[in-house]
Amino acid sequence: MIGYDTSDSTVLIEDPAGFAPATYWLTFNQLVTLIPPKGYSA
C-alpha cells in the first residue's frame, strides 16, 4: 500500500511483481478480503 484517499475509503496498491498497470486502487473492503485468516481448525 503506497497511499490512501479518506474521501472515498480507497487505498493505492503497488504491485511490482505483476504486469501493467503496476498500481491500482481498491476499496478498504476489497483490501481486507485479501488478508487470509490466521486461525486453524481441526
C-alpha atoms as a PDB file:
ATOM      1  CA  MET A   1       0.000   0.000   0.000  1.00  0.00           C
ATOM      2  CA  ILE A   2       1.538   3.275  -1.049  1.00  0.00           C
ATOM      3  CA  GLY A   3      -1.322   5.695  -0.486  1.00  0.00           C
ATOM      4  CA  TYR A   4      -4.905   6.215   0.573  1.00  0.00           C
ATOM      5  CA  ASP A   5      -7.857   8.534  -0.006  1.00  0.00           C
ATOM      6  CA  THR A   6     -10.060   9.195   3.006  1.00  0.00           C
ATOM      7  CA  SER A   7     -12.791  10.856   0.929  1.00  0.00           C
ATOM      8  CA  ASP A   8     -13.918   7.521  -0.534  1.00  0.00           C
ATOM      9  CA  SER A   9     -12.053   4.984   1.686  1.00  0.00           C
ATOM     10  CA  THR A  10      -9.749   3.661  -1.019  1.00  0.00           C
ATOM     11  CA  VAL A  11      -6.118   2.561  -0.906  1.00  0.00           C
ATOM     12  CA  LEU A  12      -3.476   2.725  -3.637  1.00  0.00           C
ATOM     13  CA  ILE A  13      -1.696  -0.594  -4.131  1.00  0.00           C
ATOM     14  CA  GLU A  14       1.644  -1.039  -5.904  1.00  0.00           C
ATOM     15  CA  ASP A  15       2.332  -4.472  -7.375  1.00  0.00           C
ATOM     16  CA  PRO A  16       5.878  -4.679  -8.769  1.00  0.00           C
ATOM     17  CA  ALA A  17       5.580  -8.433  -9.393  1.00  0.00           C
ATOM     18  CA  GLY A  18       2.583  -8.145 -11.695  1.00  0.00           C
ATOM     19  CA  PHE A  19       2.032  -6.880 -15.200  1.00  0.00           C
ATOM     20  CA  ALA A  20       0.902  -3.364 -16.125  1.00  0.00           C
ATOM     21  CA  PRO A  21      -0.740  -1.497 -14.551  1.00  0.00           C
ATOM     22  CA  ALA A  22       1.640  -1.681 -11.599  1.00  0.00           C
ATOM     23  CA  THR A  23      -0.618   0.437  -9.354  1.00  0.00           C
ATOM     24  CA  TYR A  24      -4.335   0.230  -8.743  1.00  0.00           C
ATOM     25  CA  TRP A  25      -7.000   1.458  -6.329  1.00  0.00           C
ATOM     26  CA  LEU A  26      -9.007  -0.822  -4.028  1.00  0.00           C
ATOM     27  CA  THR A  27     -11.758  -0.042  -1.588  1.00  0.00           C
ATOM     28  CA  PHE A  28     -10.991  -0.816   2.035  1.00  0.00           C
ATOM     29  CA  ASN A  29     -13.486  -3.712   1.915  1.00  0.00           C
ATOM     30  CA  GLN A  30     -11.705  -5.223  -1.106  1.00  0.00           C
ATOM     31  CA  LEU A  31      -8.342  -4.850   0.646  1.00  0.00           C
ATOM     32  CA  VAL A  32      -9.364  -6.725   3.792  1.00  0.00           C
ATOM     33  CA  THR A  33     -10.646  -9.680   1.743  1.00  0.00           C
ATOM     34  CA  LEU A  34      -7.053 -10.209   0.530  1.00  0.00           C
ATOM     35  CA  ILE A  35      -5.814 -10.832   4.096  1.00  0.00           C
ATOM     36  CA  PRO A  36      -6.068 -14.563   4.869  1.00  0.00           C
ATOM     37  CA  PRO A  37      -7.390 -15.658   8.262  1.00  0.00           C
ATOM     38  CA  LYS A  38      -4.729 -16.862  10.675  1.00  0.00           C
ATOM     39  CA  GLY A  39      -6.774 -19.449  12.571  1.00  0.00           C
ATOM     40  CA  TYR A  40      -6.705 -23.191  12.067  1.00  0.00           C
ATOM     41  CA  SER A  41      -9.384 -25.720  12.903  1.00  0.00           C
ATOM     42  CA  ALA A  42      -9.066 -29.466  13.296  1.00  0.00           C
END
